[in-house]
Amino acid sequence: FKYLPFNYAKCVPLIFYPNARAEILKGARIFLSEEFINNRYKKVHIGYDDNDFAHNCEKTIFRIAGSAKFLGKTLILRGARLDVNGFFEIGDDAVIGSLSRIRVYNKVIIGDNSRIAHEVQIFDTNFHYIVDVNNFEFKPMSRPIIIGNNCWIGNRTTINPGTIIPDFTIVTSNSLVNKDYSDIDPYTLIGGLPCKVIKSGIVRVWDRKIEHDYKLKEFEWYRNLNK
C-alpha cells in the first residue's frame, strides 16, 4: 500500500522475502496487466530463494525510479538486482536468476516464460559516452534491449545495449550478446564472444511432464552406465 495505487495494492502483487530491499522513488510508476489484477495467484516474488547459488547474506535490490510493468507471475531470485530508471517490462511466468544484474536506463523488455539464469548482466547502457576522434559524431550510450518469449539465457551471460533476442532462443553460458538477432531461425542456440549461431532446431523442454519423463530416462541411463 506504500508503493502502489489502491486498486493495485489491494491484490498484494509484490511479495518481499527476507533480505529483499525495495526503493520506489518519488515519481516512479508500477503497472500491472489486467490479467495480473484479476488473478490473485499471480504475484511478483522478490528475493525468492529456490537454490543455493546465492549466499544467505546476499540482498535482493528492487529499485524503481522510472516505470516497471508486470504482466504476470515473476520470480526475482535472491541476490538479484533490478535498477529501473527508464521503462522495464517483464512477461508472465518469467524468472530472473540469483545474482543477476539488470540496469534499465532506456528500455528493457523480457517476454513471457523466459528464464534469466544466475549471474546474468543485462545493461541497456554503456554508462559513458564514446566518440570517434576523427569526427566527434554523437552516439547514444543507451539503446533498448528486447528478449522474446520462451528464451533461456545461460548463466554469466552479458547482454549489451541494442540487443534483440527472438522467441525460443537459447543463449549458452558466458556469452556476449550485443546485436539484433531477429533474423535467426526459430528454435536456435547461440553463444560465444560475441554470440553467433551454433545450431538451429534446438528448444528447451518447457512441459513439466515431459521434463519429468526425461529425468526418469536419464536416471535409468546413468544407472546402466555405472553397472
Protein backbone atom coordinates (compact mmCIF):
# COMPACT_ATOMS: atom_id res chain seq x y z
CA PHE A 1 0.00 0.00 0.00
CA LYS A 2 3.00 2.28 0.49
CA TYR A 3 4.20 1.97 -3.11
CA LEU A 4 1.09 1.26 -5.21
CA PRO A 5 -2.32 2.75 -6.03
CA PHE A 6 -5.13 1.17 -4.02
CA ASN A 7 -6.58 -0.83 -6.95
CA TYR A 8 -3.15 -2.48 -7.36
CA ALA A 9 -2.22 -2.72 -3.70
CA LYS A 10 -5.42 -4.50 -2.66
CA CYS A 11 -4.35 -7.63 -4.57
CA VAL A 12 -0.94 -7.60 -2.81
CA PRO A 13 1.04 -8.07 -6.05
CA LEU A 14 4.55 -7.62 -4.61
CA ILE A 15 5.90 -10.17 -2.13
CA PHE A 16 9.22 -9.33 -0.49
CA TYR A 17 11.26 -12.13 1.04
CA PRO A 18 13.93 -11.80 3.77
CA ASN A 19 16.96 -9.75 2.67
CA ALA A 20 14.96 -8.10 -0.13
CA ARG A 21 15.04 -4.33 -0.21
CA ALA A 22 12.68 -2.05 -2.11
CA GLU A 23 13.38 1.51 -3.17
CA ILE A 24 10.48 3.09 -5.06
CA LEU A 25 11.43 6.69 -5.75
CA LYS A 26 9.04 9.62 -5.96
CA GLY A 27 7.50 9.77 -9.41
CA ALA A 28 8.19 6.11 -10.16
CA ARG A 29 5.31 4.11 -11.62
CA ILE A 30 4.43 0.42 -11.41
CA PHE A 31 1.87 -1.06 -13.81
CA LEU A 32 0.08 -4.40 -13.65
CA SER A 33 -1.69 -6.09 -16.56
CA GLU A 34 -5.43 -6.64 -16.29
CA GLU A 35 -4.87 -10.40 -16.24
CA PHE A 36 -2.48 -9.91 -13.32
CA ILE A 37 -5.00 -7.90 -11.34
CA ASN A 38 -7.79 -10.41 -11.96
CA ASN A 39 -5.76 -13.45 -10.89
CA ARG A 40 -4.95 -13.44 -7.19
CA TYR A 41 -2.40 -16.23 -7.65
CA LYS A 42 -0.14 -14.11 -9.85
CA LYS A 43 2.48 -12.32 -7.76
CA VAL A 44 5.90 -10.74 -8.15
CA HIS A 45 8.17 -12.65 -5.77
CA ILE A 46 11.19 -10.50 -4.89
CA GLY A 47 14.10 -12.25 -3.18
CA TYR A 48 12.64 -15.73 -3.68
CA ASP A 49 15.14 -18.48 -2.81
CA ASP A 50 14.91 -21.81 -4.63
CA ASN A 51 18.56 -22.84 -4.87
CA ASP A 52 21.97 -22.39 -3.28
CA PHE A 53 23.60 -20.12 -5.87
CA ALA A 54 23.22 -17.10 -3.59
CA HIS A 55 24.57 -16.91 -0.07
CA ASN A 56 22.06 -16.13 2.64
CA CYS A 57 23.54 -12.67 3.18
CA GLU A 58 23.01 -11.60 -0.45
CA LYS A 59 20.47 -8.79 -0.65
CA THR A 60 17.90 -8.56 -3.41
CA ILE A 61 17.59 -4.96 -4.60
CA PHE A 62 14.36 -3.77 -6.22
CA ARG A 63 14.86 -0.11 -7.20
CA ILE A 64 12.32 1.69 -9.37
CA ALA A 65 12.94 5.29 -10.37
CA GLY A 66 11.24 5.03 -13.78
CA SER A 67 8.40 2.73 -14.86
CA ALA A 68 8.01 -1.02 -14.40
CA LYS A 69 5.24 -3.16 -15.90
CA PHE A 70 4.48 -6.70 -14.76
CA LEU A 71 2.29 -8.88 -16.98
CA GLY A 72 2.01 -11.83 -14.61
CA LYS A 73 3.83 -14.05 -12.15
CA THR A 74 7.51 -13.12 -11.82
CA LEU A 75 10.29 -14.64 -9.74
CA ILE A 76 13.23 -12.40 -8.87
CA LEU A 77 15.58 -14.73 -7.06
CA ARG A 78 17.74 -13.97 -4.04
CA GLY A 79 20.69 -11.69 -4.68
CA ALA A 80 19.38 -10.27 -7.97
CA ARG A 81 19.40 -6.51 -8.52
CA LEU A 82 16.88 -4.65 -10.62
CA ASP A 83 17.55 -0.94 -11.11
CA VAL A 84 14.99 0.80 -13.32
CA ASN A 85 15.49 4.40 -14.41
CA GLY A 86 13.73 4.02 -17.77
CA PHE A 87 10.99 1.54 -18.74
CA PHE A 88 11.06 -2.14 -17.74
CA GLU A 89 8.52 -4.77 -18.76
CA ILE A 90 8.52 -8.46 -17.87
CA GLY A 91 6.08 -11.11 -19.04
CA ASP A 92 4.10 -13.80 -17.27
CA ASP A 93 5.94 -16.70 -15.63
CA ALA A 94 9.37 -15.15 -16.16
CA VAL A 95 12.36 -15.74 -13.87
CA ILE A 96 15.36 -13.54 -13.05
CA GLY A 97 18.09 -15.71 -11.57
CA SER A 98 20.17 -15.30 -8.43
CA LEU A 99 22.88 -12.62 -8.50
CA SER A 100 21.72 -11.27 -11.87
CA ARG A 101 22.04 -7.56 -12.59
CA ILE A 102 19.55 -5.60 -14.68
CA ARG A 103 20.15 -1.89 -15.22
CA VAL A 104 17.48 -0.05 -17.19
CA TYR A 105 18.42 3.40 -18.43
CA ASN A 106 16.30 3.35 -21.58
CA LYS A 107 14.08 0.27 -22.06
CA VAL A 108 14.33 -3.45 -21.31
CA ILE A 109 11.57 -5.94 -22.20
CA ILE A 110 11.62 -9.61 -21.16
CA GLY A 111 8.93 -11.85 -22.65
CA ASP A 112 6.61 -14.48 -21.22
CA ASN A 113 8.07 -17.68 -19.78
CA SER A 114 11.68 -16.57 -20.28
CA ARG A 115 14.44 -17.66 -17.95
CA ILE A 116 17.39 -15.47 -16.98
CA ALA A 117 19.92 -17.75 -15.26
CA HIS A 118 22.15 -16.74 -12.34
CA GLU A 119 24.80 -14.01 -12.64
CA VAL A 120 23.49 -12.64 -15.94
CA GLN A 121 24.10 -8.94 -16.72
CA ILE A 122 21.52 -7.01 -18.72
CA PHE A 123 22.60 -3.39 -19.20
CA ASP A 124 20.92 -1.20 -21.81
CA THR A 125 23.57 1.48 -21.33
CA ASN A 126 27.34 1.73 -21.62
CA PHE A 127 27.24 4.26 -18.73
CA HIS A 128 29.69 6.59 -20.53
CA TYR A 129 29.79 8.26 -23.94
CA ILE A 130 32.43 7.44 -26.53
CA VAL A 131 33.25 9.39 -29.70
CA ASP A 132 35.16 8.87 -32.91
CA VAL A 133 38.14 11.24 -32.64
CA ASN A 134 38.02 11.82 -36.41
CA ASN A 135 34.59 13.45 -36.48
CA PHE A 136 33.32 13.57 -32.88
CA GLU A 137 29.95 12.28 -34.06
CA PHE A 138 27.41 11.85 -31.27
CA LYS A 139 26.39 8.30 -30.42
CA PRO A 140 23.85 7.48 -27.70
CA MET A 141 25.17 5.44 -24.82
CA SER A 142 21.84 3.61 -24.35
CA ARG A 143 19.64 1.50 -26.64
CA PRO A 144 16.64 -0.72 -25.84
CA ILE A 145 17.01 -4.44 -25.13
CA ILE A 146 14.26 -6.90 -26.09
CA ILE A 147 14.24 -10.56 -25.01
CA GLY A 148 11.39 -12.56 -26.55
CA ASN A 149 9.09 -15.22 -25.16
CA ASN A 150 10.34 -18.63 -24.04
CA CYS A 151 14.00 -17.63 -24.15
CA TRP A 152 16.67 -19.22 -21.94
CA ILE A 153 19.67 -17.04 -21.14
CA GLY A 154 22.60 -19.06 -19.76
CA ASN A 155 24.44 -18.08 -16.60
CA ARG A 156 27.11 -15.36 -16.62
CA THR A 157 25.96 -14.02 -19.96
CA THR A 158 26.23 -10.30 -20.68
CA ILE A 159 23.53 -8.61 -22.75
CA ASN A 160 24.54 -5.23 -24.18
CA PRO A 161 22.55 -2.21 -25.42
CA GLY A 162 20.63 -2.72 -28.66
CA THR A 163 20.27 -6.49 -28.28
CA ILE A 164 17.14 -8.18 -29.64
CA ILE A 165 16.68 -11.89 -28.91
CA PRO A 166 13.72 -13.55 -30.71
CA ASP A 167 11.30 -16.07 -29.21
CA PHE A 168 12.51 -19.57 -28.33
CA THR A 169 16.22 -18.68 -28.38
CA ILE A 170 18.77 -20.36 -26.10
CA VAL A 171 21.95 -18.45 -25.21
CA THR A 172 24.85 -20.52 -23.90
CA SER A 173 26.62 -19.66 -20.64
CA ASN A 174 29.35 -16.99 -20.56
CA SER A 175 28.22 -15.38 -23.82
CA LEU A 176 28.27 -11.77 -25.02
CA VAL A 177 25.02 -10.78 -26.73
CA ASN A 178 25.41 -7.44 -28.45
CA LYS A 179 23.25 -7.06 -31.57
CA ASP A 180 19.86 -7.65 -33.19
CA TYR A 181 19.34 -11.39 -33.77
CA SER A 182 15.83 -11.05 -35.20
CA ASP A 183 16.82 -12.68 -38.49
CA ILE A 184 17.84 -16.04 -36.99
CA ASP A 185 15.62 -19.10 -37.38
CA PRO A 186 13.19 -20.05 -34.60
CA TYR A 187 14.48 -22.51 -32.02
CA THR A 188 18.13 -21.52 -32.35
CA LEU A 189 21.07 -21.99 -29.99
CA ILE A 190 23.51 -19.07 -29.99
CA GLY A 191 26.64 -18.44 -27.95
CA GLY A 192 30.17 -17.13 -27.82
CA LEU A 193 32.09 -13.87 -27.51
CA PRO A 194 30.28 -12.32 -29.29
CA CYS A 195 27.31 -14.61 -29.91
CA LYS A 196 26.93 -16.48 -33.17
CA VAL A 197 24.54 -19.19 -34.32
CA ILE A 198 25.61 -22.63 -33.08
CA LYS A 199 22.67 -24.80 -34.12
CA SER A 200 19.06 -24.47 -35.23
CA GLY A 201 16.16 -26.69 -34.24
CA ILE A 202 17.03 -26.61 -30.52
CA VAL A 203 14.46 -25.81 -27.84
CA ARG A 204 14.33 -26.09 -24.08
CA VAL A 205 11.78 -28.57 -22.72
CA TRP A 206 9.14 -26.42 -21.03
CA ASP A 207 6.48 -29.05 -20.40
CA ARG A 208 6.94 -30.29 -16.83
CA LYS A 209 5.51 -33.74 -17.50
CA ILE A 210 7.89 -34.29 -20.41
CA GLU A 211 10.76 -32.95 -18.31
CA HIS A 212 9.87 -35.42 -15.54
CA ASP A 213 9.83 -38.29 -18.04
CA TYR A 214 13.25 -37.24 -19.32
CA LYS A 215 14.62 -37.17 -15.79
CA LEU A 216 13.49 -40.76 -15.29
CA LYS A 217 15.12 -41.75 -18.58
CA GLU A 218 18.35 -40.02 -17.58
CA PHE A 219 18.36 -41.78 -14.22
CA GLU A 220 17.94 -45.13 -15.99
CA TRP A 221 20.68 -44.23 -18.48
CA TYR A 222 23.06 -43.21 -15.68
CA ARG A 223 22.31 -46.37 -13.70
CA ASN A 224 23.07 -48.54 -16.74
CA LEU A 225 26.24 -46.56 -17.41
CA ASN A 226 27.61 -47.36 -13.97
CA LYS A 227 26.79 -51.07 -13.84
